[in-house]
C-alpha atoms as a PDB file:
ATOM      1  CA  MET A   1       5.901  55.355  23.305  1.00  0.00           C
ATOM      2  CA  THR A   2       5.764  52.339  20.995  1.00  0.00           C
ATOM      3  CA  PRO A   3       7.790  49.180  21.682  1.00  0.00           C
ATOM      4  CA  VAL A   4      10.066  49.864  18.713  1.00  0.00           C
ATOM      5  CA  SER A   5      10.838  53.423  19.844  1.00  0.00           C
ATOM      6  CA  ARG A   6      11.523  52.152  23.385  1.00  0.00           C
ATOM      7  CA  LEU A   7      14.029  49.675  21.992  1.00  0.00           C
ATOM      8  CA  LEU A   8      15.746  52.277  19.823  1.00  0.00           C
ATOM      9  CA  CYS A   9      16.083  54.667  22.776  1.00  0.00           C
ATOM     10  CA  CYS A  10      17.539  51.911  24.922  1.00  0.00           C
ATOM     11  CA  LEU A  11      19.992  50.803  22.226  1.00  0.00           C
ATOM     12  CA  LEU A  12      21.227  54.381  21.851  1.00  0.00           C
ATOM     13  CA  LEU A  13      21.793  54.611  25.587  1.00  0.00           C
ATOM     14  CA  LEU A  14      23.617  51.278  25.702  1.00  0.00           C
ATOM     15  CA  VAL A  15      25.944  52.060  22.830  1.00  0.00           C
ATOM     16  CA  ALA A  16      26.864  55.535  24.091  1.00  0.00           C
ATOM     17  CA  PRO A  17      30.616  56.086  23.788  1.00  0.00           C
ATOM     18  CA  ALA A  18      30.836  57.265  27.389  1.00  0.00           C
ATOM     19  CA  ALA A  19      30.047  53.761  28.662  1.00  0.00           C
ATOM     20  CA  PRO A  20      32.905  52.116  30.546  1.00  0.00           C
ATOM     21  CA  ALA A  21      34.482  49.119  28.885  1.00  0.00           C
ATOM     22  CA  LEU A  22      34.053  46.518  31.618  1.00  0.00           C
ATOM     23  CA  ALA A  23      34.283  42.926  30.498  1.00  0.00           C
ATOM     24  CA  PHE A  24      31.449  40.748  31.752  1.00  0.00           C
ATOM     25  CA  HIS A  25      32.148  37.571  29.830  1.00  0.00           C
ATOM     26  CA  GLY A  26      34.756  35.480  31.552  1.00  0.00           C
ATOM     27  CA  ALA A  27      36.095  32.188  30.323  1.00  0.00           C
ATOM     28  CA  LEU A  28      33.587  30.652  27.914  1.00  0.00           C
ATOM     29  CA  PRO A  29      31.545  28.467  27.789  1.00  0.00           C
ATOM     30  CA  ALA A  30      29.441  30.046  30.518  1.00  0.00           C
ATOM     31  CA  GLY A  31      25.881  30.216  31.783  1.00  0.00           C
ATOM     32  CA  TYR A  32      23.755  33.207  32.649  1.00  0.00           C
ATOM     33  CA  ALA A  33      20.442  34.113  34.310  1.00  0.00           C
ATOM     34  CA  GLY A  34      18.428  37.292  33.993  1.00  0.00           C
ATOM     35  CA  LEU A  35      15.353  39.089  35.305  1.00  0.00           C
ATOM     36  CA  ASP A  36      13.533  41.657  33.153  1.00  0.00           C
ATOM     37  CA  ALA A  37      10.589  44.032  33.200  1.00  0.00           C
ATOM     38  CA  LEU A  38       8.398  42.915  30.262  1.00  0.00           C
ATOM     39  CA  PHE A  39       6.366  45.663  28.522  1.00  0.00           C
ATOM     40  CA  TRP A  40       4.037  43.584  26.331  1.00  0.00           C
ATOM     41  CA  THR A  41       1.559  44.587  23.624  1.00  0.00           C
ATOM     42  CA  TYR A  42      -1.240  42.479  22.154  1.00  0.00           C
ATOM     43  CA  ASP A  43      -2.342  43.888  18.797  1.00  0.00           C
ATOM     44  CA  PRO A  44      -5.315  42.324  16.961  1.00  0.00           C
ATOM     45  CA  ALA A  45      -5.723  43.240  13.289  1.00  0.00           C
ATOM     46  CA  GLY A  46      -8.451  45.840  12.955  1.00  0.00           C
ATOM     47  CA  GLY A  47      -8.839  46.249  16.723  1.00  0.00           C
ATOM     48  CA  ASP A  48      -7.455  48.241  19.602  1.00  0.00           C
ATOM     49  CA  SER A  49      -4.165  47.038  21.051  1.00  0.00           C
ATOM     50  CA  ASP A  50      -3.723  46.201  24.734  1.00  0.00           C
ATOM     51  CA  SER A  51      -0.510  46.549  26.705  1.00  0.00           C
ATOM     52  CA  SER A  52       0.742  46.014  30.224  1.00  0.00           C
ATOM     53  CA  LEU A  53       3.789  45.260  32.372  1.00  0.00           C
ATOM     54  CA  GLY A  54       4.941  41.781  33.437  1.00  0.00           C
ATOM     55  CA  LEU A  55       8.132  39.984  34.465  1.00  0.00           C
ATOM     56  CA  ARG A  56      10.415  37.637  32.552  1.00  0.00           C
ATOM     57  CA  LEU A  57      13.092  35.179  33.683  1.00  0.00           C
ATOM     58  CA  ARG A  58      15.839  34.155  31.275  1.00  0.00           C
ATOM     59  CA  GLY A  59      18.515  31.534  31.439  1.00  0.00           C
ATOM     60  CA  GLY A  60      21.068  30.457  28.911  1.00  0.00           C
ATOM     61  CA  TRP A  61      24.406  28.995  27.984  1.00  0.00           C
ATOM     62  CA  LEU A  62      27.046  30.660  25.785  1.00  0.00           C
ATOM     63  CA  ALA A  63      29.202  28.318  23.717  1.00  0.00           C
ATOM     64  CA  ASN A  64      31.469  31.201  22.631  1.00  0.00           C
ATOM     65  CA  ASP A  65      31.288  34.964  21.995  1.00  0.00           C
ATOM     66  CA  TYR A  66      28.980  34.430  18.998  1.00  0.00           C
ATOM     67  CA  LEU A  67      26.609  31.544  19.771  1.00  0.00           C
ATOM     68  CA  GLY A  68      24.408  30.443  22.650  1.00  0.00           C
ATOM     69  CA  VAL A  69      21.002  29.107  23.632  1.00  0.00           C
ATOM     70  CA  GLU A  70      18.376  30.773  25.818  1.00  0.00           C
ATOM     71  CA  ALA A  71      15.107  29.843  27.526  1.00  0.00           C
ATOM     72  CA  GLN A  72      12.552  32.404  28.700  1.00  0.00           C
ATOM     73  CA  LEU A  73       9.593  32.238  31.074  1.00  0.00           C
ATOM     74  CA  GLY A  74       7.404  35.248  31.769  1.00  0.00           C
ATOM     75  CA  GLY A  75       3.991  36.380  32.833  1.00  0.00           C
ATOM     76  CA  GLY A  76       1.864  38.980  34.504  1.00  0.00           C
ATOM     77  CA  GLY A  77       0.141  42.132  33.506  1.00  0.00           C
ATOM     78  CA  ARG A  78      -3.442  42.909  32.638  1.00  0.00           C
ATOM     79  CA  GLU A  79      -5.347  45.710  31.023  1.00  0.00           C
ATOM     80  CA  HIS A  80      -8.997  46.495  31.675  1.00  0.00           C
ATOM     81  CA  ASP A  81     -10.968  48.849  29.498  1.00  0.00           C
ATOM     82  CA  ARG A  82     -14.640  49.303  28.685  1.00  0.00           C
ATOM     83  CA  GLN A  83     -14.729  46.791  25.823  1.00  0.00           C
ATOM     84  CA  SER A  84     -12.408  43.993  26.911  1.00  0.00           C
ATOM     85  CA  ARG A  85      -9.939  42.620  29.396  1.00  0.00           C
ATOM     86  CA  SER A  86      -6.498  41.383  28.363  1.00  0.00           C
ATOM     87  CA  GLU A  87      -4.280  39.359  30.661  1.00  0.00           C
ATOM     88  CA  LEU A  88      -0.990  37.517  30.117  1.00  0.00           C
ATOM     89  CA  ASP A  89      -0.998  34.294  32.132  1.00  0.00           C
ATOM     90  CA  TRP A  90       2.422  33.082  30.988  1.00  0.00           C
ATOM     91  CA  LEU A  91       4.819  32.819  28.076  1.00  0.00           C
ATOM     92  CA  ALA A  92       7.676  30.433  27.411  1.00  0.00           C
ATOM     93  CA  GLY A  93      10.273  30.354  24.672  1.00  0.00           C
ATOM     94  CA  ALA A  94      13.383  28.462  23.552  1.00  0.00           C
ATOM     95  CA  TYR A  95      15.916  30.237  21.338  1.00  0.00           C
ATOM     96  CA  VAL A  96      19.234  30.111  19.540  1.00  0.00           C
ATOM     97  CA  LYS A  97      21.208  33.260  20.380  1.00  0.00           C
ATOM     98  CA  LEU A  98      23.543  34.824  17.798  1.00  0.00           C
ATOM     99  CA  MET A  99      25.787  37.537  19.233  1.00  0.00           C
ATOM    100  CA  LEU A 100      27.956  40.316  17.865  1.00  0.00           C
ATOM    101  CA  PRO A 101      30.506  41.651  20.388  1.00  0.00           C
ATOM    102  CA  VAL A 102      30.996  45.385  19.811  1.00  0.00           C
ATOM    103  CA  ASN A 103      33.717  45.530  22.480  1.00  0.00           C
ATOM    104  CA  ASP A 104      34.422  43.793  25.805  1.00  0.00           C
ATOM    105  CA  ALA A 105      31.378  45.381  27.449  1.00  0.00           C
ATOM    106  CA  ILE A 106      28.727  45.672  24.712  1.00  0.00           C
ATOM    107  CA  HIS A 107      27.130  42.794  22.835  1.00  0.00           C
ATOM    108  CA  LEU A 108      24.341  42.991  20.269  1.00  0.00           C
ATOM    109  CA  TYR A 109      22.282  39.839  19.725  1.00  0.00           C
ATOM    110  CA  ALA A 110      19.473  38.205  17.783  1.00  0.00           C
ATOM    111  CA  LEU A 111      17.215  35.439  19.099  1.00  0.00           C
ATOM    112  CA  GLY A 112      15.296  32.937  16.970  1.00  0.00           C
ATOM    113  CA  GLY A 113      13.180  29.997  18.085  1.00  0.00           C
ATOM    114  CA  VAL A 114       9.697  29.060  19.240  1.00  0.00           C
ATOM    115  CA  ALA A 115       7.392  30.494  21.898  1.00  0.00           C
ATOM    116  CA  HIS A 116       4.043  29.805  23.521  1.00  0.00           C
ATOM    117  CA  VAL A 117       1.887  32.662  24.824  1.00  0.00           C
ATOM    118  CA  SER A 118      -1.110  31.917  27.042  1.00  0.00           C
ATOM    119  CA  GLY A 119      -3.655  34.392  28.357  1.00  0.00           C
ATOM    120  CA  THR A 120      -6.953  36.114  27.741  1.00  0.00           C
ATOM    121  CA  PHE A 121      -6.810  38.413  24.714  1.00  0.00           C
ATOM    122  CA  ALA A 122     -10.072  39.366  22.997  1.00  0.00           C
ATOM    123  CA  GLY A 123     -11.306  35.785  23.085  1.00  0.00           C
ATOM    124  CA  GLU A 124      -7.938  34.214  22.232  1.00  0.00           C
ATOM    125  CA  ASN A 125      -6.394  31.928  24.836  1.00  0.00           C
ATOM    126  CA  SER A 126      -3.024  30.810  23.508  1.00  0.00           C
ATOM    127  CA  GLU A 127      -0.654  30.949  20.574  1.00  0.00           C
ATOM    128  CA  THR A 128       2.389  28.815  19.697  1.00  0.00           C
ATOM    129  CA  GLY A 129       4.780  29.508  16.853  1.00  0.00           C
ATOM    130  CA  LEU A 130       8.016  30.969  15.611  1.00  0.00           C
ATOM    131  CA  SER A 131       9.442  33.804  17.675  1.00  0.00           C
ATOM    132  CA  GLY A 132      12.417  36.121  17.483  1.00  0.00           C
ATOM    133  CA  GLY A 133      13.935  39.395  18.499  1.00  0.00           C
ATOM    134  CA  LEU A 134      16.897  41.752  18.762  1.00  0.00           C
ATOM    135  CA  GLY A 135      18.691  43.121  21.795  1.00  0.00           C
ATOM    136  CA  ALA A 136      21.778  44.611  23.380  1.00  0.00           C
ATOM    137  CA  GLU A 137      23.630  43.949  26.614  1.00  0.00           C
ATOM    138  CA  MET A 138      26.269  46.059  28.373  1.00  0.00           C
ATOM    139  CA  GLY A 139      28.539  44.933  31.204  1.00  0.00           C
ATOM    140  CA  ILE A 140      28.407  47.275  34.198  1.00  0.00           C
ATOM    141  CA  VAL A 141      30.665  45.316  36.582  1.00  0.00           C
ATOM    142  CA  PRO A 142      32.334  41.920  36.149  1.00  0.00           C
ATOM    143  CA  ASN A 143      29.636  39.218  35.698  1.00  0.00           C
ATOM    144  CA  LEU A 144      26.710  41.691  35.799  1.00  0.00           C
ATOM    145  CA  ALA A 145      25.128  43.332  32.753  1.00  0.00           C
ATOM    146  CA  ILE A 146      22.138  45.481  31.878  1.00  0.00           C
ATOM    147  CA  GLY A 147      20.219  44.850  28.713  1.00  0.00           C
ATOM    148  CA  ALA A 148      17.186  45.497  26.589  1.00  0.00           C
ATOM    149  CA  ASP A 149      15.481  43.632  23.792  1.00  0.00           C
ATOM    150  CA  TYR A 150      12.486  43.623  21.489  1.00  0.00           C
ATOM    151  CA  MET A 151      10.745  40.262  20.982  1.00  0.00           C
ATOM    152  CA  ARG A 152       7.910  39.164  18.725  1.00  0.00           C
ATOM    153  CA  TYR A 153       6.434  36.209  20.603  1.00  0.00           C
ATOM    154  CA  ALA A 154       3.431  35.544  18.361  1.00  0.00           C
ATOM    155  CA  ASP A 155       2.474  36.582  14.852  1.00  0.00           C
ATOM    156  CA  ASP A 156      -0.373  35.157  12.850  1.00  0.00           C
ATOM    157  CA  ASN A 157      -2.678  36.691  10.244  1.00  0.00           C
ATOM    158  CA  ASP A 158      -4.927  38.261  12.869  1.00  0.00           C
ATOM    159  CA  THR A 159      -2.757  39.185  15.861  1.00  0.00           C
ATOM    160  CA  THR A 160       0.733  39.976  17.112  1.00  0.00           C
ATOM    161  CA  PHE A 161       2.164  39.751  20.616  1.00  0.00           C
ATOM    162  CA  ASP A 162       5.315  41.845  21.088  1.00  0.00           C
ATOM    163  CA  ALA A 163       7.363  42.861  24.107  1.00  0.00           C
ATOM    164  CA  VAL A 164      10.165  45.259  25.003  1.00  0.00           C
ATOM    165  CA  SER A 165      12.204  44.187  28.029  1.00  0.00           C
ATOM    166  CA  PHE A 166      14.758  45.877  30.271  1.00  0.00           C
ATOM    167  CA  GLY A 167      16.686  44.056  32.983  1.00  0.00           C
ATOM    168  CA  LEU A 168      19.785  42.613  34.633  1.00  0.00           C
ATOM    169  CA  THR A 169      21.803  39.535  33.696  1.00  0.00           C
ATOM    170  CA  TYR A 170      24.275  37.663  35.884  1.00  0.00           C
ATOM    171  CA  HIS A 171      26.977  35.648  34.052  1.00  0.00           C
ATOM    172  CA  PHE A 172      28.447  32.725  35.993  1.00  0.00           C
END
């Protein structure tokens, strides 16, 4: 399953009309912290892509229901095959978060900012540049939400580094 199809499946599940409408945003402004499973893919132009599973920590601050900032730190995961070995040492990103509340429980969002990816990928060691993504979050109980997103952490003429993430977020 490709990262884009994983994200679409997750978004369909999150926006299902049977989901309970539990508010998870209290009085704003507010902070949040999250932990996600990070399914990353390194895709060199003209070569075979590598993918693996890592972890990602997120933290952020919401100014209101539509605007916030977020920082991400992740790492882990390696793939060994006959030709090469790919390994994500770490990634870090800083983003502006634009949100669209669908109802009290479901929020869609877009992230835009910069990221640095460091690891061993077919001779490449690191990449820094513009980064962005789309996601959705659904409150399951007060202050706790589940979410998923698709991020493009690196994109140059020769390679892309993308990730689909699923996890929990605590709003405080």
